[in-house]
C-alpha atoms as a PDB file:
ATOM      1  CA  MET A   1      31.928 -20.345   0.031  1.00  0.00           C
ATOM      2  CA  LEU A   2      29.455 -21.873  -1.859  1.00  0.00           C
ATOM      3  CA  ARG A   3      26.963 -21.395   1.223  1.00  0.00           C
ATOM      4  CA  ALA A   4      28.048 -17.712   1.266  1.00  0.00           C
ATOM      5  CA  LYS A   5      27.873 -17.095  -2.410  1.00  0.00           C
ATOM      6  CA  ALA A   6      24.307 -18.605  -2.118  1.00  0.00           C
ATOM      7  CA  ARG A   7      23.025 -16.698   0.449  1.00  0.00           C
ATOM      8  CA  SER A   8      24.400 -13.571  -0.875  1.00  0.00           C
ATOM      9  CA  GLU A   9      22.165 -14.370  -3.868  1.00  0.00           C
ATOM     10  CA  GLY A  10      19.493 -14.792  -1.863  1.00  0.00           C
ATOM     11  CA  LEU A  11      19.685 -12.029  -0.138  1.00  0.00           C
ATOM     12  CA  LEU A  12      19.824 -10.025  -3.452  1.00  0.00           C
ATOM     13  CA  LEU A  13      16.908 -11.791  -4.829  1.00  0.00           C
ATOM     14  CA  MET A  14      15.107 -10.702  -1.648  1.00  0.00           C
ATOM     15  CA  ALA A  15      16.384  -7.034  -1.919  1.00  0.00           C
ATOM     16  CA  THR A  16      15.131  -7.044  -5.435  1.00  0.00           C
ATOM     17  CA  MET A  17      11.550  -8.383  -4.990  1.00  0.00           C
ATOM     18  CA  LYS A  18      11.174  -6.072  -2.287  1.00  0.00           C
ATOM     19  CA  LEU A  19      12.238  -3.321  -4.749  1.00  0.00           C
ATOM     20  CA  LEU A  20      10.126  -4.521  -7.513  1.00  0.00           C
ATOM     21  CA  LYS A  21       6.879  -4.829  -5.083  1.00  0.00           C
ATOM     22  CA  THR A  22       7.581  -1.234  -3.963  1.00  0.00           C
ATOM     23  CA  VAL A  23       7.481  -0.013  -7.341  1.00  0.00           C
ATOM     24  CA  GLU A  24       4.289  -1.959  -8.410  1.00  0.00           C
ATOM     25  CA  ALA A  25       2.554  -0.279  -5.049  1.00  0.00           C
ATOM     26  CA  LEU A  26       3.927   3.463  -6.146  1.00  0.00           C
ATOM     27  CA  SER A  27       3.113   2.584  -9.815  1.00  0.00           C
ATOM     28  CA  ALA A  28      -0.492   1.930  -8.534  1.00  0.00           C
ATOM     29  CA  LEU A  29      -0.574   4.875  -6.210  1.00  0.00           C
ATOM     30  CA  GLY A  30       0.830   7.144  -8.786  1.00  0.00           C
ATOM     31  CA  HIS A  31      -2.846   7.827 -10.498  1.00  0.00           C
ATOM     32  CA  GLU A  32      -4.723  10.860  -9.059  1.00  0.00           C
ATOM     33  CA  GLY A  33      -7.974   8.648  -9.052  1.00  0.00           C
ATOM     34  CA  ARG A  34      -6.430   5.321  -7.420  1.00  0.00           C
ATOM     35  CA  LEU A  35      -4.605   7.632  -4.608  1.00  0.00           C
ATOM     36  CA  SER A  36      -7.845   9.044  -4.124  1.00  0.00           C
ATOM     37  CA  VAL A  37      -9.543   5.603  -3.553  1.00  0.00           C
ATOM     38  CA  PHE A  38      -6.791   4.410  -1.683  1.00  0.00           C
ATOM     39  CA  ARG A  39      -6.845   7.524   0.803  1.00  0.00           C
ATOM     40  CA  LEU A  40     -10.764   7.083   0.832  1.00  0.00           C
ATOM     41  CA  LEU A  41     -10.224   3.375   2.142  1.00  0.00           C
ATOM     42  CA  VAL A  42      -7.192   4.172   4.497  1.00  0.00           C
ATOM     43  CA  ARG A  43      -9.656   6.760   6.280  1.00  0.00           C
ATOM     44  CA  ALA A  44     -12.892   4.392   6.187  1.00  0.00           C
ATOM     45  CA  GLY A  45     -10.888   1.828   8.725  1.00  0.00           C
ATOM     46  CA  LYS A  46     -10.534  -1.992   8.760  1.00  0.00           C
ATOM     47  CA  ASP A  47     -14.398  -2.017   8.140  1.00  0.00           C
ATOM     48  CA  GLY A  48     -13.780  -0.392   4.478  1.00  0.00           C
ATOM     49  CA  LEU A  49     -16.534   0.717   2.264  1.00  0.00           C
ATOM     50  CA  PRO A  50     -18.669  -0.851  -0.504  1.00  0.00           C
ATOM     51  CA  ALA A  51     -18.040   0.059  -4.298  1.00  0.00           C
ATOM     52  CA  GLY A  52     -20.946   2.035  -4.761  1.00  0.00           C
ATOM     53  CA  GLU A  53     -20.350   3.923  -1.668  1.00  0.00           C
ATOM     54  CA  ILE A  54     -16.747   4.692  -2.982  1.00  0.00           C
ATOM     55  CA  ALA A  55     -18.195   5.537  -6.746  1.00  0.00           C
ATOM     56  CA  ARG A  56     -20.860   8.156  -4.744  1.00  0.00           C
ATOM     57  CA  LYS A  57     -17.738   9.302  -2.625  1.00  0.00           C
ATOM     58  CA  LEU A  58     -15.186  10.294  -5.552  1.00  0.00           C
ATOM     59  CA  ASN A  59     -18.068  10.993  -8.029  1.00  0.00           C
ATOM     60  CA  VAL A  60     -16.502   8.147 -10.417  1.00  0.00           C
ATOM     61  CA  LEU A  61     -17.998   5.840 -12.621  1.00  0.00           C
ATOM     62  CA  PRO A  62     -18.118   2.218 -12.104  1.00  0.00           C
ATOM     63  CA  ASN A  63     -16.281   1.198 -14.686  1.00  0.00           C
ATOM     64  CA  THR A  64     -13.233   3.512 -13.799  1.00  0.00           C
ATOM     65  CA  LEU A  65     -13.670   2.157  -9.737  1.00  0.00           C
ATOM     66  CA  SER A  66     -13.169  -1.234 -10.900  1.00  0.00           C
ATOM     67  CA  ALA A  67     -10.285  -0.847 -13.073  1.00  0.00           C
ATOM     68  CA  SER A  68      -8.883   1.363 -10.144  1.00  0.00           C
ATOM     69  CA  LEU A  69      -9.658  -1.358  -7.466  1.00  0.00           C
ATOM     70  CA  THR A  70      -8.221  -3.862  -9.816  1.00  0.00           C
ATOM     71  CA  VAL A  71      -4.729  -2.492 -10.103  1.00  0.00           C
ATOM     72  CA  LEU A  72      -4.337  -1.420  -6.467  1.00  0.00           C
ATOM     73  CA  ALA A  73      -5.462  -5.056  -5.578  1.00  0.00           C
ATOM     74  CA  ASN A  74      -2.675  -6.450  -7.793  1.00  0.00           C
ATOM     75  CA  ALA A  75      -0.357  -4.285  -5.910  1.00  0.00           C
ATOM     76  CA  GLY A  76      -1.751  -5.812  -2.776  1.00  0.00           C
ATOM     77  CA  LEU A  77      -2.568  -2.302  -1.518  1.00  0.00           C
ATOM     78  CA  VAL A  78      -6.714  -3.223  -1.170  1.00  0.00           C
ATOM     79  CA  HIS A  79      -8.486  -6.457  -0.077  1.00  0.00           C
ATOM     80  CA  SER A  80     -12.261  -7.308  -0.994  1.00  0.00           C
ATOM     81  CA  ARG A  81     -14.676  -9.384   0.555  1.00  0.00           C
ATOM     82  CA  ARG A  82     -18.594 -10.383  -0.523  1.00  0.00           C
ATOM     83  CA  ASP A  83     -20.996  -9.196   1.979  1.00  0.00           C
ATOM     84  CA  GLY A  84     -24.474 -10.300   0.588  1.00  0.00           C
ATOM     85  CA  ARG A  85     -24.757  -8.438  -2.738  1.00  0.00           C
ATOM     86  CA  SER A  86     -22.055  -5.637  -1.959  1.00  0.00           C
ATOM     87  CA  ILE A  87     -18.028  -6.102  -2.296  1.00  0.00           C
ATOM     88  CA  ILE A  88     -16.281  -4.397   0.487  1.00  0.00           C
ATOM     89  CA  TYR A  89     -13.096  -2.878  -0.123  1.00  0.00           C
ATOM     90  CA  SER A  90     -10.523  -1.809   2.561  1.00  0.00           C
ATOM     91  CA  ALA A  91      -7.187  -1.071   2.346  1.00  0.00           C
ATOM     92  CA  ASP A  92      -4.119  -3.290   3.396  1.00  0.00           C
ATOM     93  CA  TYR A  93      -2.532  -1.768   6.232  1.00  0.00           C
ATOM     94  CA  GLU A  94       0.031  -3.964   6.910  1.00  0.00           C
ATOM     95  CA  ARG A  95       1.125  -3.462   3.045  1.00  0.00           C
ATOM     96  CA  MET A  96       1.087   0.168   3.560  1.00  0.00           C
ATOM     97  CA  SER A  97       3.152   0.219   6.738  1.00  0.00           C
ATOM     98  CA  ASN A  98       5.727  -2.087   4.793  1.00  0.00           C
ATOM     99  CA  LEU A  99       6.033   0.439   2.107  1.00  0.00           C
ATOM    100  CA  LEU A 100       6.426   3.287   4.478  1.00  0.00           C
ATOM    101  CA  GLY A 101       9.008   1.302   6.097  1.00  0.00           C
ATOM    102  CA  TYR A 102      10.527   0.506   3.229  1.00  0.00           C
ATOM    103  CA  LEU A 103      10.793   3.895   1.714  1.00  0.00           C
ATOM    104  CA  MET A 104      12.192   5.058   5.200  1.00  0.00           C
ATOM    105  CA  GLU A 105      14.706   2.228   5.790  1.00  0.00           C
ATOM    106  CA  ASP A 106      17.551   4.459   5.489  1.00  0.00           C
ATOM    107  CA  CYS A 107      16.001   7.781   5.981  1.00  0.00           C
ATOM    108  CA  CYS A 108      18.256  10.628   5.905  1.00  0.00           C
ATOM    109  CA  ASN A 109      21.713   8.710   7.085  1.00  0.00           C
ATOM    110  CA  GLY A 110      20.395   8.897  10.485  1.00  0.00           C
ATOM    111  CA  ASN A 111      19.385  12.684  10.742  1.00  0.00           C
ATOM    112  CA  ALA A 112      17.345  12.859  13.611  1.00  0.00           C
ATOM    113  CA  ALA A 113      16.165  16.562  12.636  1.00  0.00           C
ATOM    114  CA  ILE A 114      15.117  15.488   9.279  1.00  0.00           C
ATOM    115  CA  CYS A 115      13.816  11.436  10.513  1.00  0.00           C
ATOM    116  CA  ALA A 116      11.543  12.204  13.571  1.00  0.00           C
ATOM    117  CA  PRO A 117       8.653  13.989  11.707  1.00  0.00           C
ATOM    118  CA  LEU A 118       8.775  10.910   9.074  1.00  0.00           C
ATOM    119  CA  MET A 119       8.956   8.514  12.022  1.00  0.00           C
ATOM    120  CA  VAL A 120       6.052   9.842  13.755  1.00  0.00           C
ATOM    121  CA  ILE A 121       3.996   9.370  10.337  1.00  0.00           C
ATOM    122  CA  ALA A 122       5.312   6.101   9.952  1.00  0.00           C
ATOM    123  CA  ASP A 123       4.448   5.133  13.476  1.00  0.00           C
ATOM    124  CA  ARG A 124       0.681   6.257  12.846  1.00  0.00           C
ATOM    125  CA  ALA A 125       0.696   4.046   9.971  1.00  0.00           C
ATOM    126  CA  ALA A 126       1.807   1.092  11.601  1.00  0.00           C
ATOM    127  CA  CYS A 127      -0.788   1.366  14.585  1.00  0.00           C
ATOM    128  CA  CYS A 128      -3.669   0.432  12.046  1.00  0.00           C
ATOM    129  CA  ASP A 129      -2.444  -3.265  11.430  1.00  0.00           C
END
């Protein structure tokens, strides 16, 4: 009985953590500038882009871009790496796929007419891992 209760509490904690991580990611993407940065990085692929190039392509000030990248990184949506004097940012495709998967977990109560097109999108995102 204690094991069942502990397991149940563990599953509830995992579900709560998943929900909180999802809220954090959606909150990070819930700003026009941050969403634009993230979408640009998704299009850039695994090689990513230097911060200066992101700023030029989106016509955004460096300090604004820095704040946006910090929020996206804290939500686990982007990674950075140093390449000489540049910092290269790239989207975290696994995190993006997990986010889409979580949002579609109980999609449309199994209604294939609604779910099928959404699953195609989710499958395309998963191929980027």
